[in-house]
Amino acid sequence: MIFFGGIRGSLSSKVTFNTSFSQQKMEGLPLYVKDFGNLLENKFLVSYDTVNVSTITAELAYQKLEKIKILLGAKYFKYDPKNELKAWHRPDLQLSLSGIYDLSDKIIVRADLFYFSKQYAKAFETTTTNNITTTTEIAQELKGLFDANIGFEYRYTKKLSAFINFNNIGSVKYQRFQDYPTQRFGVLGGLTYSF
């Protein structure tokens, strides 16, 4: 069940915007929970829950001919799970800023900045009082994270191109999921051919 509404338009010949709001009830939304029964605790389980999700989206785009594109986006989520304490590993706020520069239809340069706000992971707290041990489910806060990527593409022809992407160029150490740090810096390259 989804209720959705939005407004899209242009502020000038180069600047456009898109805003929307949605309210939905999602049955069987997958939430990732660390497998505490596993001795190494190196696996995740999927916990399906019914969650009411409110989403506000705002996007602003600037485009000058086909040469320069700049996209600014923001998404705010409010989760209300039926059974779980929190919507595990789902941040409330996501921000993005992307820029694309096209140099004479041959060389494309792309830069992306991402921000995810704090999120929560399922954890357990053990306390002992008067020789009685109790375990309580808690929400462990994971810090927000920032990531920056840059990529280059060379279009040899309209069908054949080569690319190279540099991910997490600041080599920032962060955890997108509980106790699982991401790779600090990554390079991905390849060829593309369209038929």
N, C-alpha and C. Protein backbone atom coordinates (compact mmCIF):
# COMPACT_ATOMS: atom_id res chain seq x y z
N MET A 1 0.85 -1.17 0.00
CA MET A 1 0.00 0.00 0.00
C MET A 1 0.89 1.23 0.00
N ILE A 2 0.74 2.10 -1.00
CA ILE A 2 1.59 3.27 -1.16
C ILE A 2 0.73 4.50 -1.44
N PHE A 3 1.00 5.57 -0.71
CA PHE A 3 0.45 6.89 -1.03
C PHE A 3 1.62 7.75 -1.48
N PHE A 4 1.49 8.38 -2.65
CA PHE A 4 2.62 9.09 -3.23
C PHE A 4 2.15 10.39 -3.84
N GLY A 5 2.97 11.44 -3.68
CA GLY A 5 2.68 12.71 -4.33
C GLY A 5 3.97 13.49 -4.49
N GLY A 6 4.00 14.37 -5.46
CA GLY A 6 5.23 15.14 -5.67
C GLY A 6 5.02 16.28 -6.63
N ILE A 7 6.04 17.12 -6.71
CA ILE A 7 6.04 18.26 -7.64
C ILE A 7 7.38 18.26 -8.36
N ARG A 8 7.33 18.42 -9.66
CA ARG A 8 8.56 18.53 -10.43
C ARG A 8 8.41 19.71 -11.38
N GLY A 9 9.52 20.39 -11.63
CA GLY A 9 9.45 21.56 -12.49
C GLY A 9 10.83 22.12 -12.76
N SER A 10 10.87 23.32 -13.29
CA SER A 10 12.14 23.96 -13.61
C SER A 10 12.16 25.37 -13.05
N LEU A 11 13.32 25.75 -12.53
CA LEU A 11 13.52 27.10 -12.03
C LEU A 11 14.05 28.02 -13.11
N SER A 12 14.73 27.43 -14.10
CA SER A 12 15.25 28.17 -15.25
C SER A 12 15.48 27.16 -16.36
N SER A 13 16.08 27.60 -17.45
CA SER A 13 16.36 26.68 -18.56
C SER A 13 17.44 25.68 -18.21
N LYS A 14 18.20 25.94 -17.14
CA LYS A 14 19.30 25.05 -16.76
C LYS A 14 19.07 24.31 -15.45
N VAL A 15 18.12 24.78 -14.65
CA VAL A 15 17.93 24.21 -13.31
C VAL A 15 16.53 23.60 -13.19
N THR A 16 16.48 22.33 -12.79
CA THR A 16 15.21 21.64 -12.58
C THR A 16 15.17 21.09 -11.15
N PHE A 17 13.97 20.80 -10.68
CA PHE A 17 13.83 20.24 -9.34
C PHE A 17 12.77 19.15 -9.36
N ASN A 18 12.84 18.29 -8.34
CA ASN A 18 11.88 17.21 -8.19
C ASN A 18 11.72 16.94 -6.70
N THR A 19 10.51 17.04 -6.19
CA THR A 19 10.26 16.75 -4.79
C THR A 19 9.12 15.74 -4.70
N SER A 20 9.17 14.91 -3.68
CA SER A 20 8.09 13.94 -3.51
C SER A 20 7.98 13.52 -2.06
N PHE A 21 6.81 12.99 -1.75
CA PHE A 21 6.54 12.43 -0.42
C PHE A 21 5.79 11.12 -0.63
N SER A 22 6.16 10.11 0.12
CA SER A 22 5.43 8.85 0.03
C SER A 22 5.24 8.27 1.43
N GLN A 23 4.14 7.57 1.59
CA GLN A 23 3.83 6.83 2.81
C GLN A 23 3.45 5.43 2.38
N GLN A 24 4.15 4.44 2.89
CA GLN A 24 3.84 3.08 2.48
C GLN A 24 3.97 2.10 3.63
N LYS A 25 3.20 1.04 3.53
CA LYS A 25 3.27 -0.06 4.48
C LYS A 25 3.88 -1.23 3.74
N MET A 26 5.08 -1.63 4.19
CA MET A 26 5.82 -2.68 3.49
C MET A 26 5.82 -3.95 4.35
N GLU A 27 5.23 -4.99 3.83
CA GLU A 27 5.24 -6.28 4.51
C GLU A 27 6.43 -7.08 4.01
N GLY A 28 7.17 -7.67 4.93
CA GLY A 28 8.32 -8.48 4.54
C GLY A 28 9.53 -7.65 4.14
N LEU A 29 9.71 -6.47 4.74
CA LEU A 29 10.88 -5.65 4.45
C LEU A 29 12.12 -6.34 5.05
N PRO A 30 13.16 -6.61 4.26
CA PRO A 30 14.35 -7.29 4.81
C PRO A 30 15.21 -6.36 5.65
N LEU A 31 15.51 -6.80 6.86
CA LEU A 31 16.40 -6.08 7.76
C LEU A 31 17.54 -7.02 8.12
N TYR A 32 18.77 -6.52 8.09
CA TYR A 32 19.94 -7.37 8.28
C TYR A 32 20.41 -7.34 9.73
N VAL A 33 20.52 -8.55 10.30
CA VAL A 33 20.89 -8.71 11.70
C VAL A 33 22.05 -9.69 11.78
N LYS A 34 23.06 -9.32 12.56
CA LYS A 34 24.22 -10.19 12.73
C LYS A 34 23.79 -11.50 13.37
N ASP A 35 24.35 -12.62 12.87
CA ASP A 35 24.05 -13.95 13.39
C ASP A 35 24.86 -14.17 14.66
N PHE A 36 24.25 -13.89 15.82
CA PHE A 36 24.95 -14.02 17.09
C PHE A 36 25.13 -15.48 17.50
N GLY A 37 24.37 -16.39 16.89
CA GLY A 37 24.53 -17.82 17.18
C GLY A 37 25.75 -18.42 16.51
N ASN A 38 26.29 -17.73 15.53
CA ASN A 38 27.50 -18.19 14.84
C ASN A 38 28.70 -17.83 15.71
N LEU A 39 29.58 -18.78 15.95
CA LEU A 39 30.72 -18.58 16.83
C LEU A 39 31.59 -17.40 16.39
N LEU A 40 31.82 -17.28 15.09
CA LEU A 40 32.67 -16.21 14.57
C LEU A 40 31.91 -14.88 14.39
N GLU A 41 30.60 -14.94 14.45
CA GLU A 41 29.77 -13.75 14.23
C GLU A 41 30.15 -13.05 12.93
N ASN A 42 30.34 -13.85 11.88
CA ASN A 42 30.75 -13.28 10.60
C ASN A 42 29.69 -13.46 9.52
N LYS A 43 28.46 -13.64 9.93
CA LYS A 43 27.35 -13.78 8.99
C LYS A 43 26.19 -12.89 9.42
N PHE A 44 25.33 -12.58 8.46
CA PHE A 44 24.11 -11.84 8.75
C PHE A 44 22.91 -12.72 8.45
N LEU A 45 21.86 -12.53 9.21
CA LEU A 45 20.57 -13.15 8.95
C LEU A 45 19.62 -12.07 8.46
N VAL A 46 18.58 -12.49 7.79
CA VAL A 46 17.58 -11.53 7.32
C VAL A 46 16.35 -11.66 8.21
N SER A 47 15.94 -10.56 8.79
CA SER A 47 14.73 -10.51 9.61
C SER A 47 13.68 -9.72 8.82
N TYR A 48 12.60 -10.38 8.47
CA TYR A 48 11.54 -9.72 7.71
C TYR A 48 10.52 -9.13 8.66
N ASP A 49 10.14 -7.89 8.43
CA ASP A 49 9.20 -7.22 9.32
C ASP A 49 8.25 -6.36 8.48
N THR A 50 7.11 -6.05 9.08
CA THR A 50 6.17 -5.11 8.47
C THR A 50 6.54 -3.72 8.99
N VAL A 51 6.83 -2.82 8.05
CA VAL A 51 7.35 -1.51 8.43
C VAL A 51 6.57 -0.42 7.70
N ASN A 52 6.13 0.57 8.46
CA ASN A 52 5.56 1.78 7.86
C ASN A 52 6.72 2.72 7.55
N VAL A 53 6.82 3.14 6.29
CA VAL A 53 7.94 3.98 5.86
C VAL A 53 7.41 5.28 5.27
N SER A 54 7.84 6.40 5.84
CA SER A 54 7.56 7.72 5.26
C SER A 54 8.85 8.22 4.60
N THR A 55 8.74 8.70 3.38
CA THR A 55 9.93 9.14 2.63
C THR A 55 9.69 10.54 2.05
N ILE A 56 10.65 11.41 2.26
CA ILE A 56 10.64 12.73 1.63
C ILE A 56 11.89 12.81 0.74
N THR A 57 11.69 13.13 -0.52
CA THR A 57 12.78 13.19 -1.49
C THR A 57 12.84 14.58 -2.11
N ALA A 58 14.06 15.11 -2.26
CA ALA A 58 14.26 16.39 -2.94
C ALA A 58 15.49 16.27 -3.84
N GLU A 59 15.34 16.72 -5.07
CA GLU A 59 16.45 16.68 -6.04
C GLU A 59 16.52 18.01 -6.77
N LEU A 60 17.75 18.44 -7.00
CA LEU A 60 18.00 19.67 -7.74
C LEU A 60 19.06 19.35 -8.79
N ALA A 61 18.79 19.72 -10.04
CA ALA A 61 19.72 19.39 -11.13
C ALA A 61 20.05 20.64 -11.93
N TYR A 62 21.33 20.73 -12.28
CA TYR A 62 21.82 21.81 -13.14
C TYR A 62 22.46 21.18 -14.37
N GLN A 63 22.08 21.62 -15.55
CA GLN A 63 22.67 21.08 -16.78
C GLN A 63 22.93 22.21 -17.76
N LYS A 64 24.18 22.26 -18.23
CA LYS A 64 24.56 23.25 -19.23
C LYS A 64 24.88 22.49 -20.51
N LEU A 65 23.97 22.60 -21.49
CA LEU A 65 24.06 21.85 -22.74
C LEU A 65 24.22 20.37 -22.40
N GLU A 66 25.10 19.67 -23.08
CA GLU A 66 25.37 18.26 -22.75
C GLU A 66 26.74 18.13 -22.10
N LYS A 67 27.33 19.25 -21.68
CA LYS A 67 28.69 19.25 -21.17
C LYS A 67 28.78 19.04 -19.66
N ILE A 68 27.96 19.76 -18.93
CA ILE A 68 28.07 19.74 -17.46
C ILE A 68 26.72 19.40 -16.85
N LYS A 69 26.74 18.45 -15.92
CA LYS A 69 25.54 18.10 -15.16
C LYS A 69 25.93 18.04 -13.69
N ILE A 70 25.13 18.67 -12.86
CA ILE A 70 25.34 18.61 -11.41
C ILE A 70 24.01 18.22 -10.77
N LEU A 71 24.04 17.17 -9.96
CA LEU A 71 22.83 16.64 -9.33
C LEU A 71 23.01 16.65 -7.81
N LEU A 72 22.07 17.25 -7.11
CA LEU A 72 22.07 17.27 -5.65
C LEU A 72 20.79 16.58 -5.20
N GLY A 73 20.94 15.58 -4.34
CA GLY A 73 19.78 14.82 -3.90
C GLY A 73 19.77 14.60 -2.40
N ALA A 74 18.57 14.52 -1.84
CA ALA A 74 18.41 14.24 -0.41
C ALA A 74 17.18 13.36 -0.24
N LYS A 75 17.31 12.37 0.64
CA LYS A 75 16.19 11.49 0.98
C LYS A 75 16.13 11.35 2.49
N TYR A 76 14.94 11.57 3.03
CA TYR A 76 14.74 11.40 4.47
C TYR A 76 13.71 10.28 4.66
N PHE A 77 14.03 9.34 5.56
CA PHE A 77 13.16 8.20 5.82
C PHE A 77 12.76 8.19 7.30
N LYS A 78 11.53 7.85 7.55
CA LYS A 78 11.08 7.58 8.92
C LYS A 78 10.49 6.17 8.92
N TYR A 79 11.12 5.29 9.72
CA TYR A 79 10.71 3.89 9.78
C TYR A 79 9.96 3.61 11.07
N ASP A 80 8.90 2.85 10.96
CA ASP A 80 8.14 2.41 12.13
C ASP A 80 7.90 0.91 12.01
N PRO A 81 8.86 0.09 12.51
CA PRO A 81 8.72 -1.36 12.39
C PRO A 81 7.69 -1.91 13.38
N LYS A 82 7.03 -2.97 12.97
CA LYS A 82 5.99 -3.57 13.80
C LYS A 82 6.58 -4.42 14.92
N ASN A 83 7.59 -5.23 14.61
CA ASN A 83 8.13 -6.18 15.58
C ASN A 83 9.53 -5.84 16.07
N GLU A 84 10.37 -5.34 15.20
CA GLU A 84 11.75 -5.04 15.57
C GLU A 84 11.83 -3.70 16.31
N LEU A 85 12.90 -3.54 17.08
CA LEU A 85 13.12 -2.32 17.83
C LEU A 85 13.39 -1.13 16.91
N LYS A 86 14.18 -1.36 15.85
CA LYS A 86 14.53 -0.34 14.85
C LYS A 86 14.54 -1.00 13.47
N ALA A 87 14.60 -0.17 12.45
CA ALA A 87 14.81 -0.68 11.09
C ALA A 87 16.32 -0.83 10.91
N TRP A 88 16.82 -2.03 11.20
CA TRP A 88 18.26 -2.27 11.27
C TRP A 88 18.98 -1.94 9.97
N HIS A 89 20.11 -1.23 10.11
CA HIS A 89 21.01 -0.87 9.01
C HIS A 89 20.33 -0.04 7.92
N ARG A 90 19.35 0.76 8.32
CA ARG A 90 18.70 1.66 7.36
C ARG A 90 18.82 3.09 7.89
N PRO A 91 19.65 3.91 7.25
CA PRO A 91 19.84 5.28 7.73
C PRO A 91 18.60 6.14 7.48
N ASP A 92 18.43 7.15 8.33
CA ASP A 92 17.29 8.06 8.18
C ASP A 92 17.51 9.08 7.06
N LEU A 93 18.77 9.44 6.80
CA LEU A 93 19.06 10.50 5.84
C LEU A 93 20.15 10.06 4.88
N GLN A 94 19.92 10.30 3.59
CA GLN A 94 20.92 10.03 2.56
C GLN A 94 21.06 11.29 1.71
N LEU A 95 22.30 11.77 1.56
CA LEU A 95 22.59 12.93 0.73
C LEU A 95 23.56 12.53 -0.37
N SER A 96 23.42 13.12 -1.53
CA SER A 96 24.35 12.83 -2.63
C SER A 96 24.57 14.08 -3.47
N LEU A 97 25.79 14.20 -3.98
CA LEU A 97 26.14 15.27 -4.90
C LEU A 97 26.97 14.65 -6.00
N SER A 98 26.51 14.78 -7.24
CA SER A 98 27.20 14.19 -8.38
C SER A 98 27.46 15.25 -9.43
N GLY A 99 28.63 15.17 -10.03
CA GLY A 99 28.98 16.07 -11.12
C GLY A 99 29.51 15.28 -12.29
N ILE A 100 29.07 15.63 -13.50
CA ILE A 100 29.50 14.95 -14.72
C ILE A 100 29.97 16.01 -15.71
N TYR A 101 31.19 15.80 -16.23
CA TYR A 101 31.73 16.73 -17.22
C TYR A 101 32.07 15.94 -18.48
N ASP A 102 31.50 16.36 -19.60
CA ASP A 102 31.69 15.68 -20.88
C ASP A 102 32.59 16.55 -21.76
N LEU A 103 33.77 16.03 -22.06
CA LEU A 103 34.74 16.74 -22.89
C LEU A 103 34.64 16.23 -24.31
N SER A 104 33.95 16.94 -25.15
CA SER A 104 33.78 16.66 -26.58
C SER A 104 33.36 15.23 -26.89
N ASP A 105 32.44 14.69 -26.10
CA ASP A 105 31.88 13.35 -26.30
C ASP A 105 32.91 12.24 -26.31
N LYS A 106 34.10 12.48 -25.81
CA LYS A 106 35.15 11.45 -25.79
C LYS A 106 35.54 11.10 -24.36
N ILE A 107 35.76 12.10 -23.54
CA ILE A 107 36.21 11.87 -22.17
C ILE A 107 35.13 12.38 -21.22
N ILE A 108 34.68 11.48 -20.33
CA ILE A 108 33.66 11.81 -19.34
C ILE A 108 34.31 11.71 -17.96
N VAL A 109 34.16 12.76 -17.17
CA VAL A 109 34.66 12.76 -15.79
C VAL A 109 33.46 12.84 -14.87
N ARG A 110 33.42 11.96 -13.87
CA ARG A 110 32.30 11.92 -12.93
C ARG A 110 32.83 11.91 -11.50
N ALA A 111 32.24 12.74 -10.65
CA ALA A 111 32.58 12.76 -9.23
C ALA A 111 31.30 12.58 -8.43
N ASP A 112 31.36 11.77 -7.38
CA ASP A 112 30.20 11.49 -6.54
C ASP A 112 30.57 11.62 -5.08
N LEU A 113 29.74 12.32 -4.33
CA LEU A 113 29.89 12.43 -2.88
C LEU A 113 28.62 11.87 -2.25
N PHE A 114 28.78 11.03 -1.23
CA PHE A 114 27.64 10.41 -0.56
C PHE A 114 27.75 10.61 0.94
N TYR A 115 26.60 10.81 1.57
CA TYR A 115 26.55 10.85 3.04
C TYR A 115 25.35 10.03 3.50
N PHE A 116 25.58 9.14 4.45
CA PHE A 116 24.52 8.37 5.09
C PHE A 116 24.55 8.73 6.58
N SER A 117 23.40 9.07 7.14
CA SER A 117 23.35 9.44 8.56
C SER A 117 23.50 8.19 9.43
N LYS A 118 23.51 8.41 10.73
CA LYS A 118 23.64 7.29 11.65
C LYS A 118 22.53 6.27 11.41
N GLN A 119 22.83 5.03 11.78
CA GLN A 119 21.86 3.96 11.66
C GLN A 119 22.03 3.04 12.87
N TYR A 120 21.17 2.05 12.96
CA TYR A 120 21.20 1.19 14.14
C TYR A 120 21.35 -0.26 13.75
N ALA A 121 22.03 -1.00 14.63
CA ALA A 121 22.22 -2.44 14.46
C ALA A 121 21.71 -3.13 15.72
N LYS A 122 21.16 -4.32 15.53
CA LYS A 122 20.69 -5.08 16.69
C LYS A 122 21.88 -5.60 17.48
N ALA A 123 21.82 -5.45 18.80
CA ALA A 123 22.87 -5.94 19.70
C ALA A 123 22.19 -6.39 20.99
N PHE A 124 22.97 -7.02 21.85
CA PHE A 124 22.44 -7.51 23.12
C PHE A 124 23.35 -7.06 24.25
N GLU A 125 22.74 -6.69 25.36
CA GLU A 125 23.47 -6.24 26.54
C GLU A 125 23.16 -7.21 27.68
N THR A 126 24.21 -7.71 28.31
CA THR A 126 24.05 -8.65 29.41
C THR A 126 24.37 -7.96 30.73
N THR A 127 23.46 -8.09 31.68
CA THR A 127 23.67 -7.51 33.01
C THR A 127 23.43 -8.58 34.06
N THR A 128 24.17 -8.47 35.16
CA THR A 128 24.01 -9.41 36.27
C THR A 128 23.68 -8.64 37.54
N THR A 129 22.55 -8.99 38.14
CA THR A 129 22.11 -8.38 39.39
C THR A 129 21.67 -9.48 40.35
N ASN A 130 22.28 -9.50 41.52
CA ASN A 130 21.96 -10.53 42.53
C ASN A 130 22.09 -11.94 41.96
N ASN A 131 23.19 -12.18 41.24
CA ASN A 131 23.49 -13.48 40.62
C ASN A 131 22.47 -13.89 39.56
N ILE A 132 21.68 -12.97 39.08
CA ILE A 132 20.73 -13.26 38.00
C ILE A 132 21.19 -12.50 36.76
N THR A 133 21.45 -13.26 35.71
CA THR A 133 21.94 -12.67 34.46
C THR A 133 20.77 -12.49 33.50
N THR A 134 20.64 -11.30 32.98
CA THR A 134 19.60 -11.01 32.00
C THR A 134 20.23 -10.43 30.74
N THR A 135 19.66 -10.82 29.62
CA THR A 135 20.12 -10.31 28.32
C THR A 135 19.00 -9.47 27.71
N THR A 136 19.34 -8.26 27.33
CA THR A 136 18.36 -7.33 26.78
C THR A 136 18.76 -6.92 25.38
N GLU A 137 17.78 -6.90 24.49
CA GLU A 137 18.04 -6.43 23.13
C GLU A 137 18.16 -4.91 23.15
N ILE A 138 19.20 -4.39 22.49
CA ILE A 138 19.40 -2.95 22.41
C ILE A 138 19.68 -2.55 20.96
N ALA A 139 19.60 -1.26 20.70
CA ALA A 139 19.93 -0.72 19.39
C ALA A 139 21.30 -0.06 19.49
N GLN A 140 22.28 -0.65 18.81
CA GLN A 140 23.64 -0.09 18.80
C GLN A 140 23.73 0.94 17.68
N GLU A 141 24.13 2.15 18.03
CA GLU A 141 24.22 3.22 17.03
C GLU A 141 25.51 3.09 16.22
N LEU A 142 25.37 3.11 14.91
CA LEU A 142 26.52 3.14 13.99
C LEU A 142 26.64 4.57 13.47
N LYS A 143 27.84 5.08 13.46
CA LYS A 143 28.07 6.46 13.04
C LYS A 143 27.69 6.67 11.57
N GLY A 144 27.39 7.93 11.26
CA GLY A 144 27.16 8.28 9.87
C GLY A 144 28.44 8.14 9.07
N LEU A 145 28.30 8.08 7.75
CA LEU A 145 29.49 7.87 6.92
C LEU A 145 29.46 8.78 5.70
N PHE A 146 30.66 9.08 5.23
CA PHE A 146 30.85 9.92 4.06
C PHE A 146 31.76 9.19 3.08
N ASP A 147 31.44 9.25 1.81
CA ASP A 147 32.23 8.56 0.79
C ASP A 147 32.37 9.46 -0.43
N ALA A 148 33.52 9.42 -1.06
CA ALA A 148 33.77 10.21 -2.28
C ALA A 148 34.39 9.32 -3.33
N ASN A 149 33.87 9.40 -4.55
CA ASN A 149 34.34 8.59 -5.67
C ASN A 149 34.58 9.48 -6.88
N ILE A 150 35.48 9.04 -7.73
CA ILE A 150 35.72 9.75 -8.99
C ILE A 150 35.95 8.71 -10.09
N GLY A 151 35.46 9.02 -11.27
CA GLY A 151 35.59 8.07 -12.38
C GLY A 151 35.87 8.78 -13.69
N PHE A 152 36.53 8.05 -14.58
CA PHE A 152 36.85 8.56 -15.91
C PHE A 152 36.41 7.54 -16.95
N GLU A 153 35.86 8.03 -18.05
CA GLU A 153 35.46 7.15 -19.15
C GLU A 153 35.98 7.74 -20.46
N TYR A 154 36.54 6.86 -21.28
CA TYR A 154 36.98 7.27 -22.61
C TYR A 154 36.13 6.54 -23.64
N ARG A 155 35.40 7.30 -24.45
CA ARG A 155 34.53 6.70 -25.47
C ARG A 155 35.28 6.67 -26.80
N TYR A 156 35.76 5.48 -27.13
CA TYR A 156 36.50 5.31 -28.38
C TYR A 156 35.55 5.48 -29.57
N THR A 157 34.41 4.82 -29.49
CA THR A 157 33.32 5.01 -30.45
C THR A 157 32.03 5.08 -29.64
N LYS A 158 30.89 5.20 -30.33
CA LYS A 158 29.62 5.23 -29.61
C LYS A 158 29.32 3.89 -28.94
N LYS A 159 29.93 2.82 -29.45
CA LYS A 159 29.67 1.49 -28.90
C LYS A 159 30.76 0.99 -27.96
N LEU A 160 32.00 1.47 -28.13
CA LEU A 160 33.12 0.94 -27.36
C LEU A 160 33.72 2.04 -26.48
N SER A 161 33.88 1.71 -25.20
CA SER A 161 34.49 2.67 -24.28
C SER A 161 35.26 1.93 -23.20
N ALA A 162 36.14 2.67 -22.53
CA ALA A 162 36.91 2.14 -21.40
C ALA A 162 36.69 3.07 -20.21
N PHE A 163 36.72 2.50 -19.00
CA PHE A 163 36.48 3.32 -17.82
C PHE A 163 37.39 2.89 -16.68
N ILE A 164 37.60 3.82 -15.76
CA ILE A 164 38.29 3.52 -14.52
C ILE A 164 37.64 4.34 -13.41
N ASN A 165 37.30 3.68 -12.29
CA ASN A 165 36.65 4.33 -11.16
C ASN A 165 37.52 4.19 -9.92
N PHE A 166 37.65 5.26 -9.18
CA PHE A 166 38.37 5.26 -7.91
C PHE A 166 37.34 5.47 -6.81
N ASN A 167 37.15 4.46 -5.97
CA ASN A 167 36.14 4.50 -4.92
C ASN A 167 36.77 4.77 -3.57
N ASN A 168 36.04 5.52 -2.74
CA ASN A 168 36.50 5.92 -1.41
C ASN A 168 37.89 6.56 -1.52
N ILE A 169 37.98 7.62 -2.32
CA ILE A 169 39.28 8.22 -2.62
C ILE A 169 39.95 8.83 -1.39
N GLY A 170 39.18 9.11 -0.34
CA GLY A 170 39.77 9.61 0.91
C GLY A 170 40.29 8.49 1.80
N SER A 171 40.10 7.24 1.36
CA SER A 171 40.52 6.06 2.13
C SER A 171 39.98 6.12 3.56
N VAL A 172 38.70 6.48 3.67
CA VAL A 172 38.05 6.62 4.97
C VAL A 172 37.63 5.25 5.49
N LYS A 173 37.90 5.00 6.75
CA LYS A 173 37.51 3.75 7.37
C LYS A 173 36.12 3.92 7.98
N TYR A 174 35.15 3.13 7.51
CA TYR A 174 33.80 3.20 8.06
C TYR A 174 33.13 1.84 7.95
N GLN A 175 32.02 1.69 8.69
CA GLN A 175 31.24 0.46 8.69
C GLN A 175 29.86 0.76 8.14
N ARG A 176 29.55 0.20 6.99
CA ARG A 176 28.18 0.31 6.46
C ARG A 176 27.28 -0.68 7.19
N PHE A 177 27.84 -1.81 7.61
CA PHE A 177 27.13 -2.81 8.39
C PHE A 177 27.93 -3.10 9.66
N GLN A 178 27.23 -3.49 10.70
CA GLN A 178 27.80 -3.70 12.03
C GLN A 178 29.02 -4.61 12.01
N ASP A 179 30.16 -4.10 12.50
CA ASP A 179 31.42 -4.83 12.63
C ASP A 179 32.01 -5.31 11.30
N TYR A 180 31.60 -4.71 10.18
CA TYR A 180 32.13 -5.07 8.87
C TYR A 180 32.67 -3.81 8.19
N PRO A 181 33.95 -3.50 8.41
CA PRO A 181 34.52 -2.31 7.75
C PRO A 181 34.60 -2.52 6.23
N THR A 182 34.36 -1.44 5.49
CA THR A 182 34.44 -1.52 4.04
C THR A 182 35.90 -1.39 3.60
N GLN A 183 36.14 -1.70 2.33
CA GLN A 183 37.48 -1.49 1.78
C GLN A 183 37.77 0.00 1.79
N ARG A 184 38.98 0.35 2.19
CA ARG A 184 39.30 1.77 2.33
C ARG A 184 39.46 2.46 0.97
N PHE A 185 40.02 1.80 0.00
CA PHE A 185 40.22 2.43 -1.30
C PHE A 185 40.10 1.33 -2.35
N GLY A 186 39.40 1.64 -3.42
CA GLY A 186 39.21 0.63 -4.46
C GLY A 186 39.32 1.24 -5.84
N VAL A 187 39.82 0.43 -6.76
CA VAL A 187 39.93 0.84 -8.16
C VAL A 187 39.24 -0.23 -9.00
N LEU A 188 38.40 0.22 -9.91
CA LEU A 188 37.69 -0.68 -10.81
C LEU A 188 37.79 -0.12 -12.21
N GLY A 189 38.22 -0.95 -13.12
CA GLY A 189 38.33 -0.52 -14.51
C GLY A 189 37.78 -1.58 -15.44
N GLY A 190 37.51 -1.18 -16.66
CA GLY A 190 36.99 -2.17 -17.61
C GLY A 190 36.64 -1.55 -18.95
N LEU A 191 36.11 -2.40 -19.80
CA LEU A 191 35.68 -2.01 -21.13
C LEU A 191 34.18 -2.23 -21.24
N THR A 192 33.51 -1.39 -21.99
CA THR A 192 32.08 -1.58 -22.26
C THR A 192 31.87 -1.59 -23.77
N TYR A 193 30.97 -2.46 -24.19
CA TYR A 193 30.61 -2.53 -25.60
C TYR A 193 29.11 -2.71 -25.69
N SER A 194 28.44 -1.85 -26.42
CA SER A 194 26.99 -1.97 -26.58
C SER A 194 26.66 -2.47 -27.98
N PHE A 195 25.67 -3.31 -28.04
CA PHE A 195 25.27 -3.93 -29.32
C PHE A 195 24.18 -3.13 -29.98
